[in-house]
Each structure stands twice: as structure tokens, then as C-alpha cells.
Amino acid sequence: MTLSKKIEQALQDELKQENIKTVIEIAEFLKFKETQQQWNKINESEPKYITETERAKLNDLKSKGEFVEQRDLLDELGIHEDEI
């Protein structure tokens, strides 16, 4: 059964308790798909903003498990924790 048919059936059944749960699950799924599409757009546009050298450095850091501590990053940017 297609997604639209499931929603239609749930609404025709006058939203019984079990159908309310189904509609909520469908809505959560659609929200997930929308969020996933946004992340896909971000990932596709990444090469425009990150050079190959930067990407290689990031991949190297990820593979070594070396990550920047939030406090160190804030200090480097001149931002105090209480300003967040």
C-alpha cells in the first residue's frame, strides 16, 4: 500500500487510536526524509566550500580520532563559554 493510501485509509477510519499512531509514524518518516534531503544538498555543495587539501586534512584527523575540543575552538575564536 502506498504512503498516500495509508494516510487516506487512516483518515477514512475516523482516526481510531491505532490509526493516530500510524499517522504520527508517517509524519515522522516524512520529516526524516525531508531532513535527509537537506543533508544531501549540504553534502553535494560541500566541494564548493572545502578544498581538497582541507578535505584530506579532515579525513586524516577523523581516521586518527583526533578531534578539536569545543573549549579550544571557542578560545581560538575568542568566544567565552558564557556567551553561548
C-alpha atoms as a PDB file:
ATOM      1  CA  MET A   1       0.000   0.000   0.000  1.00  0.00           C
ATOM      2  CA  THR A   2       1.403   3.403  -0.920  1.00  0.00           C
ATOM      3  CA  LEU A   3       2.020   6.110   1.636  1.00  0.00           C
ATOM      4  CA  SER A   4      -0.845   8.248   0.371  1.00  0.00           C
ATOM      5  CA  LYS A   5      -3.222   5.256   0.506  1.00  0.00           C
ATOM      6  CA  LYS A   6      -2.187   4.533   4.110  1.00  0.00           C
ATOM      7  CA  ILE A   7      -2.910   8.131   5.110  1.00  0.00           C
ATOM      8  CA  GLU A   8      -6.209   8.086   3.232  1.00  0.00           C
ATOM      9  CA  GLN A   9      -7.235   4.813   4.907  1.00  0.00           C
ATOM     10  CA  ALA A  10      -6.291   6.131   8.350  1.00  0.00           C
ATOM     11  CA  LEU A  11      -8.366   9.248   7.809  1.00  0.00           C
ATOM     12  CA  GLN A  12     -11.333   7.255   6.490  1.00  0.00           C
ATOM     13  CA  ASP A  13     -11.270   5.106   9.621  1.00  0.00           C
ATOM     14  CA  GLU A  14     -12.062   8.272  11.593  1.00  0.00           C
ATOM     15  CA  LEU A  15      -8.666   8.226  13.256  1.00  0.00           C
ATOM     16  CA  LYS A  16      -9.068   5.336  15.643  1.00  0.00           C
ATOM     17  CA  GLN A  17      -6.351   5.091  18.292  1.00  0.00           C
ATOM     18  CA  GLU A  18      -4.200   2.708  16.246  1.00  0.00           C
ATOM     19  CA  ASN A  19      -4.573   4.922  13.171  1.00  0.00           C
ATOM     20  CA  ILE A  20      -3.480   8.033  15.035  1.00  0.00           C
ATOM     21  CA  LYS A  21      -0.238   6.201  15.798  1.00  0.00           C
ATOM     22  CA  THR A  22       0.089   5.294  12.114  1.00  0.00           C
ATOM     23  CA  VAL A  23      -0.401   8.919  11.017  1.00  0.00           C
ATOM     24  CA  ILE A  24       2.205  10.049  13.568  1.00  0.00           C
ATOM     25  CA  GLU A  25       4.674   7.431  12.305  1.00  0.00           C
ATOM     26  CA  ILE A  26       4.066   8.504   8.711  1.00  0.00           C
ATOM     27  CA  ALA A  27       4.609  12.162   9.652  1.00  0.00           C
ATOM     28  CA  GLU A  28       7.859  11.275  11.450  1.00  0.00           C
ATOM     29  CA  PHE A  29       9.028   9.338   8.404  1.00  0.00           C
ATOM     30  CA  LEU A  30       8.260  12.268   6.102  1.00  0.00           C
ATOM     31  CA  LYS A  31      10.098  14.631   8.444  1.00  0.00           C
ATOM     32  CA  PHE A  32      13.106  12.287   8.406  1.00  0.00           C
ATOM     33  CA  LYS A  33      13.071  12.142   4.600  1.00  0.00           C
ATOM     34  CA  GLU A  34      12.934  15.947   4.370  1.00  0.00           C
ATOM     35  CA  THR A  35      15.842  16.287   6.786  1.00  0.00           C
ATOM     36  CA  GLN A  36      17.797  13.667   4.846  1.00  0.00           C
ATOM     37  CA  GLN A  37      17.224  15.606   1.615  1.00  0.00           C
ATOM     38  CA  GLN A  38      18.592  18.758   3.268  1.00  0.00           C
ATOM     39  CA  TRP A  39      21.715  16.887   4.394  1.00  0.00           C
ATOM     40  CA  ASN A  40      22.133  15.502   0.875  1.00  0.00           C
ATOM     41  CA  LYS A  41      22.063  19.064  -0.511  1.00  0.00           C
ATOM     42  CA  ILE A  42      24.671  20.129   2.053  1.00  0.00           C
ATOM     43  CA  ASN A  43      26.896  17.170   1.181  1.00  0.00           C
ATOM     44  CA  GLU A  44      26.557  17.899  -2.543  1.00  0.00           C
ATOM     45  CA  SER A  45      27.553  21.550  -2.077  1.00  0.00           C
ATOM     46  CA  GLU A  46      30.494  20.719   0.213  1.00  0.00           C
ATOM     47  CA  PRO A  47      33.120  20.662  -2.590  1.00  0.00           C
ATOM     48  CA  LYS A  48      32.322  24.316  -3.352  1.00  0.00           C
ATOM     49  CA  TYR A  49      33.432  25.364   0.130  1.00  0.00           C
ATOM     50  CA  ILE A  50      36.065  22.849   1.225  1.00  0.00           C
ATOM     51  CA  THR A  51      39.250  22.441  -0.782  1.00  0.00           C
ATOM     52  CA  GLU A  52      40.745  19.035  -1.453  1.00  0.00           C
ATOM     53  CA  THR A  53      43.620  19.876   0.902  1.00  0.00           C
ATOM     54  CA  GLU A  54      41.198  20.727   3.700  1.00  0.00           C
ATOM     55  CA  ARG A  55      39.157  17.606   2.998  1.00  0.00           C
ATOM     56  CA  ALA A  56      42.300  15.441   3.129  1.00  0.00           C
ATOM     57  CA  LYS A  57      43.270  17.002   6.463  1.00  0.00           C
ATOM     58  CA  LEU A  58      39.767  16.410   7.854  1.00  0.00           C
ATOM     59  CA  ASN A  59      39.773  12.787   6.697  1.00  0.00           C
ATOM     60  CA  ASP A  60      43.211  12.317   8.255  1.00  0.00           C
ATOM     61  CA  LEU A  61      42.014  13.760  11.569  1.00  0.00           C
ATOM     62  CA  LYS A  62      38.889  11.587  11.504  1.00  0.00           C
ATOM     63  CA  SER A  63      40.899   8.440  10.810  1.00  0.00           C
ATOM     64  CA  LYS A  64      43.247   9.193  13.709  1.00  0.00           C
ATOM     65  CA  GLY A  65      40.390  10.035  16.022  1.00  0.00           C
ATOM     66  CA  GLU A  66      41.804  13.498  16.665  1.00  0.00           C
ATOM     67  CA  PHE A  67      39.035  15.971  17.228  1.00  0.00           C
ATOM     68  CA  VAL A  68      39.055  19.583  18.324  1.00  0.00           C
ATOM     69  CA  GLU A  69      37.742  20.194  21.815  1.00  0.00           C
ATOM     70  CA  GLN A  70      34.888  22.685  21.918  1.00  0.00           C
ATOM     71  CA  ARG A  71      36.626  24.749  24.611  1.00  0.00           C
ATOM     72  CA  ASP A  72      39.800  25.001  22.496  1.00  0.00           C
ATOM     73  CA  LEU A  73      37.812  26.073  19.458  1.00  0.00           C
ATOM     74  CA  LEU A  74      35.943  28.727  21.429  1.00  0.00           C
ATOM     75  CA  ASP A  75      39.224  30.035  22.853  1.00  0.00           C
ATOM     76  CA  GLU A  76      40.732  30.187  19.367  1.00  0.00           C
ATOM     77  CA  LEU A  77      37.712  32.103  18.098  1.00  0.00           C
ATOM     78  CA  GLY A  78      37.787  34.437  21.094  1.00  0.00           C
ATOM     79  CA  ILE A  79      34.351  33.367  22.311  1.00  0.00           C
ATOM     80  CA  HIS A  80      33.713  32.859  26.020  1.00  0.00           C
ATOM     81  CA  GLU A  81      31.552  29.900  27.039  1.00  0.00           C
ATOM     82  CA  ASP A  82      29.132  32.150  28.893  1.00  0.00           C
ATOM     83  CA  GLU A  83      28.400  33.985  25.617  1.00  0.00           C
ATOM     84  CA  ILE A  84      26.864  30.911  24.068  1.00  0.00           C
END
